[in-house]
């Protein structure tokens, strides 16, 4: 029960951070199309040459991958990485843009 509560609390915290950040779907799309598609597919719903589809990745996973190039030490409940590779390079210059990138990715989600 405590773990479930912690997950809800973390999810609420991330949503409040996303709301507090300037979310700009168009900026997220520009970053996705100029940077992310080097490894991921143009369509976030599909696998890329190196990177997996990302539409099911929680924002906390996306934030950790962008910031450090690694998955968080503790993965969110129910999330299973699509690939076990460690090919992602850190992109800390886009850390502040993760809410916008996440919003863009979610806006095109087909599943």
PDB file of N, CA and C in Angstrom:
ATOM      1  N   UNK A   1       0.827  -1.187   0.000  1.00  0.00           N
ATOM      2  CA  UNK A   1       0.000   0.000   0.000  1.00  0.00           C
ATOM      3  C   UNK A   1       0.873   1.252   0.000  1.00  0.00           C
ATOM      4  N   UNK A   2       1.948   1.242   0.784  1.00  0.00           N
ATOM      5  CA  UNK A   2       2.848   2.393   0.853  1.00  0.00           C
ATOM      6  C   UNK A   2       3.536   2.621  -0.488  1.00  0.00           C
ATOM      7  N   UNK A   3       3.914   1.528  -1.171  1.00  0.00           N
ATOM      8  CA  UNK A   3       4.572   1.657  -2.477  1.00  0.00           C
ATOM      9  C   UNK A   3       3.621   2.279  -3.483  1.00  0.00           C
ATOM     10  N   UNK A   4       2.358   1.834  -3.469  1.00  0.00           N
ATOM     11  CA  UNK A   4       1.353   2.387  -4.382  1.00  0.00           C
ATOM     12  C   UNK A   4       1.175   3.888  -4.114  1.00  0.00           C
ATOM     13  N   UNK A   5       1.098   4.262  -2.841  1.00  0.00           N
ATOM     14  CA  UNK A   5       0.962   5.668  -2.474  1.00  0.00           C
ATOM     15  C   UNK A   5       2.157   6.476  -2.955  1.00  0.00           C
ATOM     16  N   UNK A   6       3.372   5.912  -2.789  1.00  0.00           N
ATOM     17  CA  UNK A   6       4.585   6.602  -3.234  1.00  0.00           C
ATOM     18  C   UNK A   6       4.552   6.811  -4.740  1.00  0.00           C
ATOM     19  N   UNK A   7       4.058   5.810  -5.482  1.00  0.00           N
ATOM     20  CA  UNK A   7       3.943   5.938  -6.935  1.00  0.00           C
ATOM     21  C   UNK A   7       2.962   7.033  -7.337  1.00  0.00           C
ATOM     22  N   UNK A   8       1.832   7.086  -6.639  1.00  0.00           N
ATOM     23  CA  UNK A   8       0.834   8.132  -6.902  1.00  0.00           C
ATOM     24  C   UNK A   8       1.417   9.499  -6.577  1.00  0.00           C
ATOM     25  N   UNK A   9       2.134   9.584  -5.463  1.00  0.00           N
ATOM     26  CA  UNK A   9       2.751  10.837  -5.052  1.00  0.00           C
ATOM     27  C   UNK A   9       3.788  11.293  -6.073  1.00  0.00           C
ATOM     28  N   UNK A  10       4.626  10.356  -6.534  1.00  0.00           N
ATOM     29  CA  UNK A  10       5.635  10.693  -7.533  1.00  0.00           C
ATOM     30  C   UNK A  10       4.975  11.132  -8.830  1.00  0.00           C
ATOM     31  N   UNK A  11       3.936  10.423  -9.252  1.00  0.00           N
ATOM     32  CA  UNK A  11       3.214  10.802 -10.461  1.00  0.00           C
ATOM     33  C   UNK A  11       2.622  12.197 -10.343  1.00  0.00           C
ATOM     34  N   UNK A  12       2.055  12.510  -9.195  1.00  0.00           N
ATOM     35  CA  UNK A  12       1.487  13.845  -8.966  1.00  0.00           C
ATOM     36  C   UNK A  12       2.569  14.912  -8.997  1.00  0.00           C
ATOM     37  N   UNK A  13       3.712  14.597  -8.397  1.00  0.00           N
ATOM     38  CA  UNK A  13       4.834  15.535  -8.392  1.00  0.00           C
ATOM     39  C   UNK A  13       5.308  15.809  -9.816  1.00  0.00           C
ATOM     40  N   UNK A  14       5.436  14.753 -10.624  1.00  0.00           N
ATOM     41  CA  UNK A  14       5.879  14.939 -12.006  1.00  0.00           C
ATOM     42  C   UNK A  14       4.863  15.748 -12.801  1.00  0.00           C
ATOM     43  N   UNK A  15       3.574  15.490 -12.587  1.00  0.00           N
ATOM     44  CA  UNK A  15       2.548  16.266 -13.287  1.00  0.00           C
ATOM     45  C   UNK A  15       2.594  17.724 -12.872  1.00  0.00           C
ATOM     46  N   UNK A  16       2.832  17.992 -11.583  1.00  0.00           N
ATOM     47  CA  UNK A  16       2.903  19.381 -11.144  1.00  0.00           C
ATOM     48  C   UNK A  16       4.144  20.061 -11.711  1.00  0.00           C
ATOM     49  N   UNK A  17       5.252  19.299 -11.830  1.00  0.00           N
ATOM     50  CA  UNK A  17       6.452  19.865 -12.457  1.00  0.00           C
ATOM     51  C   UNK A  17       6.177  20.169 -13.922  1.00  0.00           C
ATOM     52  N   UNK A  18       5.465  19.260 -14.589  1.00  0.00           N
ATOM     53  CA  UNK A  18       5.145  19.465 -15.996  1.00  0.00           C
ATOM     54  C   UNK A  18       4.248  20.693 -16.150  1.00  0.00           C
ATOM     55  N   UNK A  19       3.291  20.854 -15.251  1.00  0.00           N
ATOM     56  CA  UNK A  19       2.400  22.005 -15.320  1.00  0.00           C
ATOM     57  C   UNK A  19       3.159  23.294 -15.040  1.00  0.00           C
ATOM     58  N   UNK A  20       4.121  23.220 -14.107  1.00  0.00           N
ATOM     59  CA  UNK A  20       4.889  24.410 -13.756  1.00  0.00           C
ATOM     60  C   UNK A  20       5.848  24.802 -14.877  1.00  0.00           C
ATOM     61  N   UNK A  21       6.339  23.806 -15.592  1.00  0.00           N
ATOM     62  CA  UNK A  21       7.259  24.091 -16.694  1.00  0.00           C
ATOM     63  C   UNK A  21       6.449  24.631 -17.871  1.00  0.00           C
ATOM     64  N   UNK A  22       7.100  25.380 -18.697  1.00  0.00           N
ATOM     65  CA  UNK A  22       6.442  25.842 -19.902  1.00  0.00           C
ATOM     66  C   UNK A  22       6.369  24.679 -20.881  1.00  0.00           C
ATOM     67  N   UNK A  23       5.180  24.142 -21.074  1.00  0.00           N
ATOM     68  CA  UNK A  23       4.986  23.042 -22.004  1.00  0.00           C
ATOM     69  C   UNK A  23       4.595  23.623 -23.350  1.00  0.00           C
ATOM     70  N   UNK A  24       5.405  23.311 -24.339  1.00  0.00           N
ATOM     71  CA  UNK A  24       5.194  23.813 -25.684  1.00  0.00           C
ATOM     72  C   UNK A  24       5.312  22.627 -26.637  1.00  0.00           C
ATOM     73  N   UNK A  25       4.162  22.098 -27.047  1.00  0.00           N
ATOM     74  CA  UNK A  25       4.156  20.912 -27.913  1.00  0.00           C
ATOM     75  C   UNK A  25       4.922  21.166 -29.202  1.00  0.00           C
ATOM     76  N   UNK A  26       4.799  22.354 -29.757  1.00  0.00           N
ATOM     77  CA  UNK A  26       5.529  22.654 -30.993  1.00  0.00           C
ATOM     78  C   UNK A  26       7.040  22.630 -30.779  1.00  0.00           C
ATOM     79  N   UNK A  27       7.485  23.133 -29.632  1.00  0.00           N
ATOM     80  CA  UNK A  27       8.912  23.063 -29.315  1.00  0.00           C
ATOM     81  C   UNK A  27       9.331  21.614 -29.124  1.00  0.00           C
ATOM     82  N   UNK A  28       8.508  20.824 -28.446  1.00  0.00           N
ATOM     83  CA  UNK A  28       8.790  19.406 -28.269  1.00  0.00           C
ATOM     84  C   UNK A  28       8.906  18.693 -29.606  1.00  0.00           C
ATOM     85  N   UNK A  29       8.021  19.034 -30.526  1.00  0.00           N
ATOM     86  CA  UNK A  29       8.066  18.432 -31.867  1.00  0.00           C
ATOM     87  C   UNK A  29       9.349  18.830 -32.590  1.00  0.00           C
ATOM     88  N   UNK A  30       9.716  20.106 -32.502  1.00  0.00           N
ATOM     89  CA  UNK A  30      10.954  20.566 -33.161  1.00  0.00           C
ATOM     90  C   UNK A  30      12.176  19.829 -32.618  1.00  0.00           C
ATOM     91  N   UNK A  31      12.234  19.660 -31.292  1.00  0.00           N
ATOM     92  CA  UNK A  31      13.363  18.954 -30.693  1.00  0.00           C
ATOM     93  C   UNK A  31      13.344  17.489 -31.119  1.00  0.00           C
ATOM     94  N   UNK A  32      12.167  16.877 -31.101  1.00  0.00           N
ATOM     95  CA  UNK A  32      12.053  15.481 -31.514  1.00  0.00           C
ATOM     96  C   UNK A  32      12.576  15.321 -32.951  1.00  0.00           C
ATOM     97  N   UNK A  33      12.119  16.190 -33.851  1.00  0.00           N
ATOM     98  CA  UNK A  33      12.475  16.058 -35.264  1.00  0.00           C
ATOM     99  C   UNK A  33      13.907  16.475 -35.577  1.00  0.00           C
ATOM    100  N   UNK A  34      14.505  17.300 -34.732  1.00  0.00           N
ATOM    101  CA  UNK A  34      15.876  17.733 -35.000  1.00  0.00           C
ATOM    102  C   UNK A  34      16.926  16.932 -34.242  1.00  0.00           C
ATOM    103  N   UNK A  35      16.538  16.325 -33.137  1.00  0.00           N
ATOM    104  CA  UNK A  35      17.510  15.638 -32.295  1.00  0.00           C
ATOM    105  C   UNK A  35      17.180  14.159 -32.095  1.00  0.00           C
ATOM    106  N   UNK A  36      15.988  13.890 -31.655  1.00  0.00           N
ATOM    107  CA  UNK A  36      15.625  12.533 -31.232  1.00  0.00           C
ATOM    108  C   UNK A  36      15.585  11.540 -32.396  1.00  0.00           C
ATOM    109  N   UNK A  37      15.208  12.012 -33.583  1.00  0.00           N
ATOM    110  CA  UNK A  37      15.091  11.067 -34.698  1.00  0.00           C
ATOM    111  C   UNK A  37      16.438  10.591 -35.219  1.00  0.00           C
ATOM    112  N   UNK A  38      17.521  11.103 -34.670  1.00  0.00           N
ATOM    113  CA  UNK A  38      18.825  10.554 -35.039  1.00  0.00           C
ATOM    114  C   UNK A  38      18.896   9.075 -34.648  1.00  0.00           C
ATOM    115  N   UNK A  39      18.172   8.690 -33.605  1.00  0.00           N
ATOM    116  CA  UNK A  39      18.154   7.291 -33.146  1.00  0.00           C
ATOM    117  C   UNK A  39      16.744   6.706 -33.124  1.00  0.00           C
ATOM    118  N   UNK A  40      15.765   7.538 -32.791  1.00  0.00           N
ATOM    119  CA  UNK A  40      14.376   7.091 -32.725  1.00  0.00           C
ATOM    120  C   UNK A  40      13.705   7.365 -34.065  1.00  0.00           C
ATOM    121  N   UNK A  41      12.556   6.773 -34.256  1.00  0.00           N
ATOM    122  CA  UNK A  41      11.798   6.959 -35.489  1.00  0.00           C
ATOM    123  C   UNK A  41      11.170   8.350 -35.518  1.00  0.00           C
ATOM    124  N   UNK A  42      10.924   8.839 -36.706  1.00  0.00           N
ATOM    125  CA  UNK A  42      10.208  10.111 -36.872  1.00  0.00           C
ATOM    126  C   UNK A  42       8.857  10.041 -36.142  1.00  0.00           C
ATOM    127  N   UNK A  43       8.260   8.855 -36.177  1.00  0.00           N
ATOM    128  CA  UNK A  43       6.993   8.596 -35.497  1.00  0.00           C
ATOM    129  C   UNK A  43       7.311   7.953 -34.143  1.00  0.00           C
ATOM    130  N   UNK A  44       7.062   8.638 -33.028  1.00  0.00           N
ATOM    131  CA  UNK A  44       7.393   8.093 -31.708  1.00  0.00           C
ATOM    132  C   UNK A  44       6.691   6.769 -31.384  1.00  0.00           C
ATOM    133  N   UNK A  45       5.682   6.379 -32.187  1.00  0.00           N
ATOM    134  CA  UNK A  45       4.977   5.123 -31.994  1.00  0.00           C
ATOM    135  C   UNK A  45       5.744   3.931 -32.551  1.00  0.00           C
ATOM    136  N   UNK A  46       6.786   4.211 -33.336  1.00  0.00           N
ATOM    137  CA  UNK A  46       7.507   3.147 -34.029  1.00  0.00           C
ATOM    138  C   UNK A  46       8.967   3.072 -33.586  1.00  0.00           C
ATOM    139  N   UNK A  47       9.550   1.879 -33.717  1.00  0.00           N
ATOM    140  CA  UNK A  47      10.951   1.674 -33.385  1.00  0.00           C
ATOM    141  C   UNK A  47      11.836   2.446 -34.351  1.00  0.00           C
ATOM    142  N   UNK A  48      12.938   2.954 -33.821  1.00  0.00           N
ATOM    143  CA  UNK A  48      13.922   3.638 -34.650  1.00  0.00           C
ATOM    144  C   UNK A  48      15.089   2.729 -34.957  1.00  0.00           C
ATOM    145  N   UNK A  49      16.094   3.273 -35.609  1.00  0.00           N
ATOM    146  CA  UNK A  49      17.261   2.481 -35.978  1.00  0.00           C
ATOM    147  C   UNK A  49      18.017   1.976 -34.750  1.00  0.00           C
ATOM    148  N   UNK A  50      18.065   2.786 -33.712  1.00  0.00           N
ATOM    149  CA  UNK A  50      18.763   2.408 -32.482  1.00  0.00           C
ATOM    150  C   UNK A  50      17.805   2.455 -31.295  1.00  0.00           C
ATOM    151  N   UNK A  51      17.017   3.505 -31.232  1.00  0.00           N
ATOM    152  CA  UNK A  51      16.130   3.708 -30.088  1.00  0.00           C
ATOM    153  C   UNK A  51      14.753   3.118 -30.302  1.00  0.00           C
ATOM    154  N   UNK A  52      14.103   2.728 -29.201  1.00  0.00           N
ATOM    155  CA  UNK A  52      12.763   2.132 -29.284  1.00  0.00           C
ATOM    156  C   UNK A  52      11.675   3.183 -29.471  1.00  0.00           C
ATOM    157  N   UNK A  53      10.458   2.708 -29.683  1.00  0.00           N
ATOM    158  CA  UNK A  53       9.304   3.606 -29.636  1.00  0.00           C
ATOM    159  C   UNK A  53       9.206   4.117 -28.200  1.00  0.00           C
ATOM    160  N   UNK A  54       8.729   5.325 -28.028  1.00  0.00           N
ATOM    161  CA  UNK A  54       8.762   5.932 -26.694  1.00  0.00           C
ATOM    162  C   UNK A  54       7.401   6.361 -26.164  1.00  0.00           C
ATOM    163  N   UNK A  55       6.335   6.084 -26.886  1.00  0.00           N
ATOM    164  CA  UNK A  55       5.025   6.579 -26.464  1.00  0.00           C
ATOM    165  C   UNK A  55       4.553   6.023 -25.129  1.00  0.00           C
ATOM    166  N   UNK A  56       5.081   4.874 -24.727  1.00  0.00           N
ATOM    167  CA  UNK A  56       4.660   4.291 -23.455  1.00  0.00           C
ATOM    168  C   UNK A  56       5.618   4.605 -22.313  1.00  0.00           C
ATOM    169  N   UNK A  57       6.661   5.358 -22.592  1.00  0.00           N
ATOM    170  CA  UNK A  57       7.625   5.701 -21.544  1.00  0.00           C
ATOM    171  C   UNK A  57       7.049   6.798 -20.647  1.00  0.00           C
ATOM    172  N   UNK A  58       7.024   6.566 -19.338  1.00  0.00           N
ATOM    173  CA  UNK A  58       6.583   7.624 -18.425  1.00  0.00           C
ATOM    174  C   UNK A  58       7.549   8.811 -18.477  1.00  0.00           C
ATOM    175  N   UNK A  59       7.054   9.965 -18.108  1.00  0.00           N
ATOM    176  CA  UNK A  59       7.887  11.161 -18.170  1.00  0.00           C
ATOM    177  C   UNK A  59       9.142  11.022 -17.304  1.00  0.00           C
ATOM    178  N   UNK A  60       9.044  10.357 -16.151  1.00  0.00           N
ATOM    179  CA  UNK A  60      10.218  10.220 -15.295  1.00  0.00           C
ATOM    180  C   UNK A  60      11.307   9.393 -15.979  1.00  0.00           C
ATOM    181  N   UNK A  61      10.910   8.420 -16.804  1.00  0.00           N
ATOM    182  CA  UNK A  61      11.892   7.633 -17.562  1.00  0.00           C
ATOM    183  C   UNK A  61      12.521   8.505 -18.642  1.00  0.00           C
ATOM    184  N   UNK A  62      11.686   9.251 -19.352  1.00  0.00           N
ATOM    185  CA  UNK A  62      12.197  10.137 -20.396  1.00  0.00           C
ATOM    186  C   UNK A  62      13.161  11.160 -19.802  1.00  0.00           C
ATOM    187  N   UNK A  63      12.817  11.710 -18.655  1.00  0.00           N
ATOM    188  CA  UNK A  63      13.673  12.688 -18.003  1.00  0.00           C
ATOM    189  C   UNK A  63      15.031  12.078 -17.640  1.00  0.00           C
ATOM    190  N   UNK A  64      15.013  10.884 -17.056  1.00  0.00           N
ATOM    191  CA  UNK A  64      16.272  10.229 -16.680  1.00  0.00           C
ATOM    192  C   UNK A  64      17.118   9.916 -17.909  1.00  0.00           C
ATOM    193  N   UNK A  65      16.493   9.428 -18.972  1.00  0.00           N
ATOM    194  CA  UNK A  65      17.238   9.075 -20.184  1.00  0.00           C
ATOM    195  C   UNK A  65      17.849  10.318 -20.831  1.00  0.00           C
ATOM    196  N   UNK A  66      17.083  11.404 -20.893  1.00  0.00           N
ATOM    197  CA  UNK A  66      17.603  12.645 -21.483  1.00  0.00           C
ATOM    198  C   UNK A  66      18.729  13.209 -20.618  1.00  0.00           C
ATOM    199  N   UNK A  67      18.527  13.215 -19.326  1.00  0.00           N
ATOM    200  CA  UNK A  67      19.494  13.810 -18.400  1.00  0.00           C
ATOM    201  C   UNK A  67      20.788  12.997 -18.296  1.00  0.00           C
ATOM    202  N   UNK A  68      20.657  11.661 -18.201  1.00  0.00           N
ATOM    203  CA  UNK A  68      21.827  10.826 -17.918  1.00  0.00           C
ATOM    204  C   UNK A  68      22.158   9.793 -18.996  1.00  0.00           C
ATOM    205  N   UNK A  69      21.205   9.528 -19.884  1.00  0.00           N
ATOM    206  CA  UNK A  69      21.381   8.473 -20.877  1.00  0.00           C
ATOM    207  C   UNK A  69      21.044   7.099 -20.315  1.00  0.00           C
ATOM    208  N   UNK A  70      20.611   7.047 -19.044  1.00  0.00           N
ATOM    209  CA  UNK A  70      20.332   5.772 -18.375  1.00  0.00           C
ATOM    210  C   UNK A  70      18.896   5.755 -17.856  1.00  0.00           C
ATOM    211  N   UNK A  71      18.417   4.545 -17.633  1.00  0.00           N
ATOM    212  CA  UNK A  71      17.116   4.401 -16.986  1.00  0.00           C
ATOM    213  C   UNK A  71      17.254   4.782 -15.517  1.00  0.00           C
ATOM    214  N   UNK A  72      16.155   5.206 -14.887  1.00  0.00           N
ATOM    215  CA  UNK A  72      16.229   5.473 -13.449  1.00  0.00           C
ATOM    216  C   UNK A  72      16.588   4.183 -12.710  1.00  0.00           C
ATOM    217  N   UNK A  73      17.213   4.305 -11.551  1.00  0.00           N
ATOM    218  CA  UNK A  73      17.583   3.118 -10.771  1.00  0.00           C
ATOM    219  C   UNK A  73      16.367   2.247 -10.474  1.00  0.00           C
ATOM    220  N   UNK A  74      15.267   2.890 -10.139  1.00  0.00           N
ATOM    221  CA  UNK A  74      14.022   2.155  -9.882  1.00  0.00           C
ATOM    222  C   UNK A  74      13.034   2.536 -10.976  1.00  0.00           C
ATOM    223  N   UNK A  75      12.663   1.548 -11.766  1.00  0.00           N
ATOM    224  CA  UNK A  75      11.717   1.796 -12.850  1.00  0.00           C
ATOM    225  C   UNK A  75      10.307   1.950 -12.296  1.00  0.00           C
ATOM    226  N   UNK A  76       9.496   2.784 -12.936  1.00  0.00           N
ATOM    227  CA  UNK A  76       8.104   2.930 -12.498  1.00  0.00           C
ATOM    228  C   UNK A  76       7.373   1.588 -12.587  1.00  0.00           C
ATOM    229  N   UNK A  77       6.432   1.384 -11.693  1.00  0.00           N
ATOM    230  CA  UNK A  77       5.647   0.150 -11.684  1.00  0.00           C
ATOM    231  C   UNK A  77       4.998  -0.076 -13.043  1.00  0.00           C
ATOM    232  N   UNK A  78       5.168  -1.274 -13.555  1.00  0.00           N
ATOM    233  CA  UNK A  78       4.544  -1.643 -14.823  1.00  0.00           C
ATOM    234  C   UNK A  78       5.338  -1.269 -16.066  1.00  0.00           C
ATOM    235  N   UNK A  79       6.377  -0.460 -15.926  1.00  0.00           N
ATOM    236  CA  UNK A  79       7.162  -0.067 -17.094  1.00  0.00           C
ATOM    237  C   UNK A  79       8.265  -1.084 -17.345  1.00  0.00           C
ATOM    238  N   UNK A  80       8.343  -1.543 -18.594  1.00  0.00           N
ATOM    239  CA  UNK A  80       9.381  -2.476 -19.002  1.00  0.00           C
ATOM    240  C   UNK A  80      10.112  -1.848 -20.192  1.00  0.00           C
ATOM    241  N   UNK A  81      11.427  -1.654 -20.081  1.00  0.00           N
ATOM    242  CA  UNK A  81      12.178  -1.081 -21.202  1.00  0.00           C
ATOM    243  C   UNK A  81      12.000  -1.920 -22.472  1.00  0.00           C
ATOM    244  N   UNK A  82      11.901  -1.244 -23.609  1.00  0.00           N
ATOM    245  CA  UNK A  82      11.726  -1.927 -24.892  1.00  0.00           C
ATOM    246  C   UNK A  82      13.024  -2.556 -25.372  1.00  0.00           C
ATOM    247  N   UNK A  83      14.138  -1.942 -25.036  1.00  0.00           N
ATOM    248  CA  UNK A  83      15.453  -2.443 -25.434  1.00  0.00           C
ATOM    249  C   UNK A  83      16.384  -2.388 -24.236  1.00  0.00           C
ATOM    250  N   UNK A  84      17.289  -3.323 -24.180  1.00  0.00           N
ATOM    251  CA  UNK A  84      18.238  -3.389 -23.070  1.00  0.00           C
ATOM    252  C   UNK A  84      19.541  -2.647 -23.386  1.00  0.00           C
ATOM    253  N   UNK A  85      19.650  -2.083 -24.580  1.00  0.00           N
ATOM    254  CA  UNK A  85      20.884  -1.413 -24.973  1.00  0.00           C
ATOM    255  C   UNK A  85      21.116  -0.173 -24.118  1.00  0.00           C
ATOM    256  N   UNK A  86      22.334   0.239 -24.077  1.00  0.00           N
ATOM    257  CA  UNK A  86      22.694   1.448 -23.327  1.00  0.00           C
ATOM    258  C   UNK A  86      23.299   2.458 -24.296  1.00  0.00           C
ATOM    259  N   UNK A  87      22.660   2.588 -25.448  1.00  0.00           N
ATOM    260  CA  UNK A  87      23.212   3.401 -26.525  1.00  0.00           C
ATOM    261  C   UNK A  87      22.869   4.888 -26.421  1.00  0.00           C
ATOM    262  N   UNK A  88      21.901   5.250 -25.595  1.00  0.00           N
ATOM    263  CA  UNK A  88      21.504   6.655 -25.555  1.00  0.00           C
ATOM    264  C   UNK A  88      22.575   7.502 -24.885  1.00  0.00           C
ATOM    265  N   UNK A  89      22.900   8.579 -25.564  1.00  0.00           N
ATOM    266  CA  UNK A  89      23.853   9.515 -24.973  1.00  0.00           C
ATOM    267  C   UNK A  89      23.062  10.556 -24.170  1.00  0.00           C
ATOM    268  N   UNK A  90      23.630  11.038 -23.096  1.00  0.00           N
ATOM    269  CA  UNK A  90      22.933  12.072 -22.317  1.00  0.00           C
ATOM    270  C   UNK A  90      22.752  13.337 -23.164  1.00  0.00           C
ATOM    271  N   UNK A  91      21.628  13.978 -22.988  1.00  0.00           N
ATOM    272  CA  UNK A  91      21.320  15.237 -23.672  1.00  0.00           C
ATOM    273  C   UNK A  91      20.873  16.261 -22.624  1.00  0.00           C
ATOM    274  N   UNK A  92      21.732  16.567 -21.654  1.00  0.00           N
ATOM    275  CA  UNK A  92      21.323  17.432 -20.545  1.00  0.00           C
ATOM    276  C   UNK A  92      20.871  18.825 -20.986  1.00  0.00           C
ATOM    277  N   UNK A  93      21.286  19.252 -22.164  1.00  0.00           N
ATOM    278  CA  UNK A  93      20.845  20.559 -22.654  1.00  0.00           C
ATOM    279  C   UNK A  93      19.333  20.579 -22.919  1.00  0.00           C
ATOM    280  N   UNK A  94      18.711  19.402 -23.010  1.00  0.00           N
ATOM    281  CA  UNK A  94      17.265  19.319 -23.247  1.00  0.00           C
ATOM    282  C   UNK A  94      16.478  18.910 -22.006  1.00  0.00           C
ATOM    283  N   UNK A  95      17.157  18.838 -20.855  1.00  0.00           N
ATOM    284  CA  UNK A  95      16.470  18.438 -19.625  1.00  0.00           C
ATOM    285  C   UNK A  95      15.243  19.309 -19.361  1.00  0.00           C
ATOM    286  N   UNK A  96      15.393  20.596 -19.509  1.00  0.00           N
ATOM    287  CA  UNK A  96      14.271  21.507 -19.242  1.00  0.00           C
ATOM    288  C   UNK A  96      13.160  21.384 -20.290  1.00  0.00           C
ATOM    289  N   UNK A  97      13.478  20.769 -21.424  1.00  0.00           N
ATOM    290  CA  UNK A  97      12.506  20.612 -22.511  1.00  0.00           C
ATOM    291  C   UNK A  97      11.736  19.303 -22.450  1.00  0.00           C
ATOM    292  N   UNK A  98      12.079  18.430 -21.507  1.00  0.00           N
ATOM    293  CA  UNK A  98      11.428  17.122 -21.440  1.00  0.00           C
ATOM    294  C   UNK A  98       9.907  17.242 -21.344  1.00  0.00           C
ATOM    295  N   UNK A  99       9.333  18.133 -20.543  1.00  0.00           N
ATOM    296  CA  UNK A  99       7.866  18.235 -20.530  1.00  0.00           C
ATOM    297  C   UNK A  99       7.285  18.536 -21.916  1.00  0.00           C
ATOM    298  N   UNK A 100       7.963  19.354 -22.695  1.00  0.00           N
ATOM    299  CA  UNK A 100       7.477  19.667 -24.039  1.00  0.00           C
ATOM    300  C   UNK A 100       7.639  18.480 -24.985  1.00  0.00           C
ATOM    301  N   UNK A 101       8.767  17.782 -24.883  1.00  0.00           N
ATOM    302  CA  UNK A 101       8.994  16.592 -25.719  1.00  0.00           C
ATOM    303  C   UNK A 101       7.972  15.519 -25.350  1.00  0.00           C
ATOM    304  N   UNK A 102       7.779  15.308 -24.049  1.00  0.00           N
ATOM    305  CA  UNK A 102       6.818  14.322 -23.572  1.00  0.00           C
ATOM    306  C   UNK A 102       5.413  14.667 -24.069  1.00  0.00           C
ATOM    307  N   UNK A 103       5.033  15.933 -23.981  1.00  0.00           N
ATOM    308  CA  UNK A 103       3.705  16.361 -24.431  1.00  0.00           C
ATOM    309  C   UNK A 103       3.538  16.107 -25.929  1.00  0.00           C
ATOM    310  N   UNK A 104       4.584  16.381 -26.716  1.00  0.00           N
ATOM    311  CA  UNK A 104       4.507  16.113 -28.162  1.00  0.00           C
ATOM    312  C   UNK A 104       4.326  14.619 -28.413  1.00  0.00           C
ATOM    313  N   UNK A 105       5.152  13.799 -27.769  1.00  0.00           N
ATOM    314  CA  UNK A 105       5.094  12.350 -27.954  1.00  0.00           C
ATOM    315  C   UNK A 105       3.701  11.835 -27.596  1.00  0.00           C
ATOM    316  N   UNK A 106       3.152  12.314 -26.482  1.00  0.00           N
ATOM    317  CA  UNK A 106       1.822  11.872 -26.078  1.00  0.00           C
ATOM    318  C   UNK A 106       0.741  12.362 -27.047  1.00  0.00           C
ATOM    319  N   UNK A 107       0.961  13.502 -27.673  1.00  0.00           N
ATOM    320  CA  UNK A 107      -0.032  14.056 -28.602  1.00  0.00           C
ATOM    321  C   UNK A 107      -0.165  13.225 -29.875  1.00  0.00           C
ATOM    322  N   UNK A 108       0.849  12.406 -30.186  1.00  0.00           N
ATOM    323  CA  UNK A 108       0.793  11.586 -31.402  1.00  0.00           C
ATOM    324  C   UNK A 108       0.622  10.096 -31.079  1.00  0.00           C
ATOM    325  N   UNK A 109       0.367   9.799 -29.822  1.00  0.00           N
ATOM    326  CA  UNK A 109       0.242   8.401 -29.390  1.00  0.00           C
ATOM    327  C   UNK A 109      -0.940   7.723 -30.096  1.00  0.00           C
ATOM    328  N   UNK A 110      -0.681   6.556 -30.664  1.00  0.00           N
ATOM    329  CA  UNK A 110      -1.715   5.829 -31.410  1.00  0.00           C
ATOM    330  C   UNK A 110      -2.286   4.648 -30.633  1.00  0.00           C
ATOM    331  N   UNK A 111      -1.578   4.190 -29.642  1.00  0.00           N
ATOM    332  CA  UNK A 111      -1.988   2.979 -28.917  1.00  0.00           C
ATOM    333  C   UNK A 111      -3.077   3.247 -27.926  1.00  0.00           C
TER     334      UNK A 111
END
